[in-house]
Amino acid sequence: MNDHELDSLIRQSHPKMELPASFNREVWERVSVASPVPALGGWREIVDALLLWIAKPVPAVAVVTVMLAAGAGLGGFTVSENSASAQRTAYFASINPLHPAHLATQE
């Protein structure tokens, strides 16, 4: 059997169905009616809008700047001394995994 004969045999075995013009519309109407209502309500749209806004360069830089400023400000409250060297020492102690305070909590 050559390819042409095989193609015609396949076409004969699978008749082409004629669908009504409104078939796609009706299917999508049924899907939309059957779709469950989201449990979070409008929160998903709010979160999506916020994430789309933050994904732009200017808001992203603003958010990072605010976070850095907030972290630096809150970090200053954890050190009893206000000198820069004491704050620097406290920062390095907090990130150093070999600092005695970290080693004591692991034992």
Protein backbone atom coordinates (compact mmCIF):
# COMPACT_ATOMS: atom_id res chain seq x y z
CA MET A 1 0.00 0.00 0.00
CA ASN A 2 1.44 3.38 -0.90
CA ASP A 3 0.97 6.63 1.01
CA HIS A 4 -1.81 7.92 -1.24
CA GLU A 5 -3.93 4.81 -0.73
CA LEU A 6 -3.29 4.88 3.00
CA ASP A 7 -4.29 8.55 3.23
CA SER A 8 -7.55 7.95 1.37
CA LEU A 9 -8.30 4.93 3.56
CA ILE A 10 -7.76 6.99 6.71
CA ARG A 11 -10.01 9.78 5.38
CA GLN A 12 -12.77 7.27 4.64
CA SER A 13 -12.58 5.73 8.09
CA HIS A 14 -12.79 9.12 9.85
CA PRO A 15 -15.68 11.09 8.40
CA LYS A 16 -15.50 14.85 8.81
CA MET A 17 -18.12 16.07 11.25
CA GLU A 18 -19.97 19.29 10.59
CA LEU A 19 -20.34 21.33 13.76
CA PRO A 20 -22.80 24.18 14.17
CA ALA A 21 -21.35 27.68 13.90
CA SER A 22 -22.14 28.43 17.55
CA PHE A 23 -20.47 25.27 18.87
CA ASN A 24 -17.37 26.99 20.33
CA ARG A 25 -19.44 29.75 21.94
CA GLU A 26 -21.80 27.25 23.54
CA VAL A 27 -18.95 25.14 24.89
CA TRP A 28 -17.26 28.16 26.49
CA GLU A 29 -20.58 29.29 27.96
CA ARG A 30 -20.94 25.89 29.62
CA VAL A 31 -17.37 26.04 30.89
CA SER A 32 -17.87 29.51 32.39
CA VAL A 33 -21.10 28.46 34.10
CA ALA A 34 -19.49 25.30 35.48
CA SER A 35 -16.34 27.11 36.72
CA PRO A 36 -16.19 27.29 40.50
CA VAL A 37 -16.23 30.69 42.18
CA PRO A 38 -12.78 31.46 43.61
CA ALA A 39 -12.67 31.14 47.39
CA LEU A 40 -10.59 34.29 47.82
CA GLY A 41 -13.09 36.49 46.00
CA GLY A 42 -11.52 39.70 44.76
CA TRP A 43 -8.21 39.23 46.56
CA ARG A 44 -6.68 37.43 43.61
CA GLU A 45 -7.30 40.39 41.33
CA ILE A 46 -5.82 42.77 43.90
CA VAL A 47 -2.70 40.64 44.32
CA ASP A 48 -2.33 40.25 40.55
CA ALA A 49 -2.62 44.02 40.04
CA LEU A 50 -0.07 44.66 42.81
CA LEU A 51 2.42 42.17 41.38
CA LEU A 52 2.00 43.62 37.89
CA TRP A 53 2.64 47.09 39.30
CA ILE A 54 5.75 45.95 41.21
CA ALA A 55 7.10 44.22 38.09
CA LYS A 56 7.68 47.62 36.47
CA PRO A 57 11.17 49.12 36.97
CA VAL A 58 10.31 52.32 38.86
CA PRO A 59 8.00 50.71 41.46
CA ALA A 60 10.43 47.81 41.85
CA VAL A 61 13.29 50.18 42.69
CA ALA A 62 11.02 52.07 45.09
CA VAL A 63 9.97 48.87 46.87
CA VAL A 64 13.59 47.70 47.20
CA THR A 65 14.64 51.12 48.53
CA VAL A 66 11.84 51.14 51.11
CA MET A 67 12.72 47.60 52.20
CA LEU A 68 16.41 48.45 52.59
CA ALA A 69 15.58 51.58 54.57
CA ALA A 70 13.15 49.67 56.79
CA GLY A 71 15.71 46.90 57.35
CA ALA A 72 18.45 49.36 58.24
CA GLY A 73 16.12 51.28 60.54
CA LEU A 74 14.83 48.19 62.31
CA GLY A 75 18.35 46.81 62.54
CA GLY A 76 19.41 49.89 64.45
CA PHE A 77 16.90 49.08 67.20
CA THR A 78 18.54 45.73 67.95
CA VAL A 79 21.88 47.27 68.94
CA SER A 80 22.00 49.06 72.26
CA GLU A 81 24.93 51.25 71.20
CA ASN A 82 24.49 53.88 68.52
CA SER A 83 28.07 53.86 67.25
CA ALA A 84 28.68 52.68 63.72
CA SER A 85 31.39 50.24 64.79
CA ALA A 86 29.07 48.53 67.31
CA GLN A 87 26.36 48.20 64.68
CA ARG A 88 28.87 46.84 62.15
CA THR A 89 30.11 44.30 64.70
CA ALA A 90 26.55 43.23 65.53
CA TYR A 91 25.77 42.80 61.82
CA PHE A 92 28.84 40.66 61.17
CA ALA A 93 28.04 38.57 64.25
CA SER A 94 24.51 38.00 62.99
CA ILE A 95 25.62 36.65 59.61
CA ASN A 96 28.74 34.76 60.70
CA PRO A 97 27.82 31.07 61.07
CA LEU A 98 30.95 30.44 63.17
CA HIS A 99 30.13 33.15 65.73
CA PRO A 100 29.97 31.70 69.26
CA ALA A 101 26.32 32.77 69.68
CA HIS A 102 25.33 30.69 66.62
CA LEU A 103 27.44 27.72 67.69
CA ALA A 104 25.89 27.70 71.17
CA THR A 105 22.34 27.41 69.76
CA GLN A 106 23.29 24.43 67.58
CA GLU A 107 24.56 22.31 70.49
